[in-house]
Amino acid sequence: MRFHHYGLEVSNMEESIRFYKKYLGFKEESRMFFGDEEIGFLRMGDFRLELFTGIDQTAHICFEVNHLEVVMKRFCDWRKIEGPYELQNGWQSVFYEGPDGEIIEFLQL
């Protein structure tokens, strides 16, 4: 397991991407849609920032895993929030709530 990205909800995707590119030096990596939600990934070195619109979700931290099913078995007695989902690029993801209400995503590429 390793860190994959930090997710942040934004109100205007274009404005946010311009801001993070211009002032912080991020490069746009990819964009996609999941239902009504627009998702943009920005990258600076090994750090990824996921910007998303169209849903009412709080920020989250995401860990990349080799086998999503193994993680889901490990968390079988914990509170799952969403998923598992398969995104249009083939990634699979599931969301859990941590002990203090924080959102943790696990992602299999």
C-alpha atoms as a PDB file:
ATOM      1  CA  MET A   1       0.000   0.000   0.000  1.00  0.00           C
ATOM      2  CA  ARG A   2       1.218   3.476  -0.810  1.00  0.00           C
ATOM      3  CA  PHE A   3      -0.155   7.006  -0.891  1.00  0.00           C
ATOM      4  CA  HIS A   4      -1.899   7.777  -4.195  1.00  0.00           C
ATOM      5  CA  HIS A   5      -3.645  11.157  -3.838  1.00  0.00           C
ATOM      6  CA  TYR A   6      -5.441  13.695  -1.698  1.00  0.00           C
ATOM      7  CA  GLY A   7      -8.943  14.542  -2.940  1.00  0.00           C
ATOM      8  CA  LEU A   8     -10.449  18.006  -2.683  1.00  0.00           C
ATOM      9  CA  GLU A   9     -13.904  19.216  -3.731  1.00  0.00           C
ATOM     10  CA  VAL A  10     -13.869  22.400  -5.851  1.00  0.00           C
ATOM     11  CA  SER A  11     -16.657  24.626  -7.159  1.00  0.00           C
ATOM     12  CA  ASN A  12     -15.025  25.474 -10.504  1.00  0.00           C
ATOM     13  CA  MET A  13     -12.754  22.878 -12.095  1.00  0.00           C
ATOM     14  CA  GLU A  14     -11.139  25.173 -14.684  1.00  0.00           C
ATOM     15  CA  GLU A  15     -10.391  27.940 -12.202  1.00  0.00           C
ATOM     16  CA  SER A  16      -8.968  25.481  -9.673  1.00  0.00           C
ATOM     17  CA  ILE A  17      -6.744  23.754 -12.225  1.00  0.00           C
ATOM     18  CA  ARG A  18      -5.410  27.122 -13.414  1.00  0.00           C
ATOM     19  CA  PHE A  19      -4.702  28.134  -9.796  1.00  0.00           C
ATOM     20  CA  TYR A  20      -2.825  24.943  -8.848  1.00  0.00           C
ATOM     21  CA  LYS A  21      -0.830  24.982 -12.091  1.00  0.00           C
ATOM     22  CA  LYS A  22       0.080  28.681 -11.994  1.00  0.00           C
ATOM     23  CA  TYR A  23       0.778  29.217  -8.300  1.00  0.00           C
ATOM     24  CA  LEU A  24       1.908  25.793  -7.087  1.00  0.00           C
ATOM     25  CA  GLY A  25       3.494  24.265 -10.171  1.00  0.00           C
ATOM     26  CA  PHE A  26       1.170  21.272 -10.619  1.00  0.00           C
ATOM     27  CA  LYS A  27       0.813  19.635 -14.038  1.00  0.00           C
ATOM     28  CA  GLU A  28      -2.500  18.258 -15.264  1.00  0.00           C
ATOM     29  CA  GLU A  29      -2.315  14.460 -15.416  1.00  0.00           C
ATOM     30  CA  SER A  30      -5.837  13.373 -16.454  1.00  0.00           C
ATOM     31  CA  ARG A  31      -9.562  14.121 -16.377  1.00  0.00           C
ATOM     32  CA  MET A  32     -12.621  11.893 -16.302  1.00  0.00           C
ATOM     33  CA  PHE A  33     -16.271  11.771 -15.346  1.00  0.00           C
ATOM     34  CA  PHE A  34     -17.980   9.450 -12.875  1.00  0.00           C
ATOM     35  CA  GLY A  35     -21.718  10.022 -13.221  1.00  0.00           C
ATOM     36  CA  ASP A  36     -22.250  13.765 -12.741  1.00  0.00           C
ATOM     37  CA  GLU A  37     -18.897  14.173 -11.019  1.00  0.00           C
ATOM     38  CA  GLU A  38     -15.983  15.693 -12.942  1.00  0.00           C
ATOM     39  CA  ILE A  39     -12.583  14.518 -11.724  1.00  0.00           C
ATOM     40  CA  GLY A  40      -9.208  16.081 -12.510  1.00  0.00           C
ATOM     41  CA  PHE A  41      -5.853  14.740 -11.380  1.00  0.00           C
ATOM     42  CA  LEU A  42      -2.927  17.115 -10.973  1.00  0.00           C
ATOM     43  CA  ARG A  43       0.601  16.002 -10.207  1.00  0.00           C
ATOM     44  CA  MET A  44       3.707  17.555  -8.718  1.00  0.00           C
ATOM     45  CA  GLY A  45       6.520  15.013  -8.472  1.00  0.00           C
ATOM     46  CA  ASP A  46       5.155  12.007  -6.576  1.00  0.00           C
ATOM     47  CA  PHE A  47       2.216  13.960  -5.098  1.00  0.00           C
ATOM     48  CA  ARG A  48      -1.213  13.801  -6.753  1.00  0.00           C
ATOM     49  CA  LEU A  49      -4.122  16.120  -6.058  1.00  0.00           C
ATOM     50  CA  GLU A  50      -7.587  14.994  -7.132  1.00  0.00           C
ATOM     51  CA  LEU A  51     -10.039  17.826  -7.757  1.00  0.00           C
ATOM     52  CA  PHE A  52     -13.698  16.873  -8.054  1.00  0.00           C
ATOM     53  CA  THR A  53     -17.014  18.633  -8.662  1.00  0.00           C
ATOM     54  CA  GLY A  54     -20.658  17.673  -8.817  1.00  0.00           C
ATOM     55  CA  ILE A  55     -21.124  15.925  -5.469  1.00  0.00           C
ATOM     56  CA  ASP A  56     -21.304  16.914  -1.852  1.00  0.00           C
ATOM     57  CA  GLN A  57     -18.303  15.052  -0.466  1.00  0.00           C
ATOM     58  CA  THR A  58     -15.595  16.076   1.927  1.00  0.00           C
ATOM     59  CA  ALA A  59     -11.882  15.816   1.299  1.00  0.00           C
ATOM     60  CA  HIS A  60     -10.311  12.365   1.404  1.00  0.00           C
ATOM     61  CA  ILE A  61      -6.973  10.592   1.402  1.00  0.00           C
ATOM     62  CA  CYS A  62      -6.381   7.733  -1.024  1.00  0.00           C
ATOM     63  CA  PHE A  63      -4.067   4.749  -0.824  1.00  0.00           C
ATOM     64  CA  GLU A  64      -3.128   2.685  -3.867  1.00  0.00           C
ATOM     65  CA  VAL A  65      -3.361  -1.063  -3.250  1.00  0.00           C
ATOM     66  CA  ASN A  66      -2.509  -4.137  -5.306  1.00  0.00           C
ATOM     67  CA  HIS A  67      -5.679  -6.089  -4.468  1.00  0.00           C
ATOM     68  CA  LEU A  68      -8.857  -4.216  -3.543  1.00  0.00           C
ATOM     69  CA  GLU A  69     -10.605  -7.440  -2.494  1.00  0.00           C
ATOM     70  CA  VAL A  70      -7.944  -8.101   0.159  1.00  0.00           C
ATOM     71  CA  VAL A  71      -8.442  -4.628   1.626  1.00  0.00           C
ATOM     72  CA  MET A  72     -12.226  -5.046   1.634  1.00  0.00           C
ATOM     73  CA  LYS A  73     -11.904  -8.328   3.543  1.00  0.00           C
ATOM     74  CA  ARG A  74      -9.615  -6.635   6.071  1.00  0.00           C
ATOM     75  CA  PHE A  75     -12.175  -3.848   6.542  1.00  0.00           C
ATOM     76  CA  CYS A  76     -15.251  -6.126   6.501  1.00  0.00           C
ATOM     77  CA  ASP A  77     -16.233  -5.091  10.045  1.00  0.00           C
ATOM     78  CA  TRP A  78     -15.659  -1.362   9.442  1.00  0.00           C
ATOM     79  CA  ARG A  79     -18.044   1.263   7.996  1.00  0.00           C
ATOM     80  CA  LYS A  80     -17.951   1.291   4.186  1.00  0.00           C
ATOM     81  CA  ILE A  81     -19.253   4.549   2.711  1.00  0.00           C
ATOM     82  CA  GLU A  82     -19.254   3.870  -1.046  1.00  0.00           C
ATOM     83  CA  GLY A  83     -18.234   1.318  -3.618  1.00  0.00           C
ATOM     84  CA  PRO A  84     -16.614  -0.626  -4.851  1.00  0.00           C
ATOM     85  CA  TYR A  85     -16.741   1.253  -8.143  1.00  0.00           C
ATOM     86  CA  GLU A  86     -14.967   0.852 -11.448  1.00  0.00           C
ATOM     87  CA  LEU A  87     -14.031   4.132 -13.130  1.00  0.00           C
ATOM     88  CA  GLN A  88     -13.975   4.633 -16.896  1.00  0.00           C
ATOM     89  CA  ASN A  89     -10.175   4.225 -16.938  1.00  0.00           C
ATOM     90  CA  GLY A  90     -10.423   0.786 -15.274  1.00  0.00           C
ATOM     91  CA  TRP A  91      -9.429   1.879 -11.781  1.00  0.00           C
ATOM     92  CA  GLN A  92     -11.422   0.275  -8.944  1.00  0.00           C
ATOM     93  CA  SER A  93     -12.097   2.128  -5.719  1.00  0.00           C
ATOM     94  CA  VAL A  94     -13.889   1.837  -2.390  1.00  0.00           C
ATOM     95  CA  PHE A  95     -14.393   4.389   0.415  1.00  0.00           C
ATOM     96  CA  TYR A  96     -14.419   3.816   4.182  1.00  0.00           C
ATOM     97  CA  GLU A  97     -14.951   6.111   7.139  1.00  0.00           C
ATOM     98  CA  GLY A  98     -12.134   6.288   9.683  1.00  0.00           C
ATOM     99  CA  PRO A  99     -12.651   6.397  13.453  1.00  0.00           C
ATOM    100  CA  ASP A 100     -12.990  10.203  13.481  1.00  0.00           C
ATOM    101  CA  GLY A 101     -15.194  10.494  10.399  1.00  0.00           C
ATOM    102  CA  GLU A 102     -12.306  10.969   7.974  1.00  0.00           C
ATOM    103  CA  ILE A 103     -12.767   9.494   4.501  1.00  0.00           C
ATOM    104  CA  ILE A 104     -10.260   6.921   3.316  1.00  0.00           C
ATOM    105  CA  GLU A 105     -10.252   5.679  -0.268  1.00  0.00           C
ATOM    106  CA  PHE A 106      -8.496   2.545  -1.468  1.00  0.00           C
ATOM    107  CA  LEU A 107      -7.679   2.373  -5.170  1.00  0.00           C
ATOM    108  CA  GLN A 108      -6.554  -0.502  -7.379  1.00  0.00           C
ATOM    109  CA  LEU A 109      -5.065   0.605 -10.694  1.00  0.00           C
END
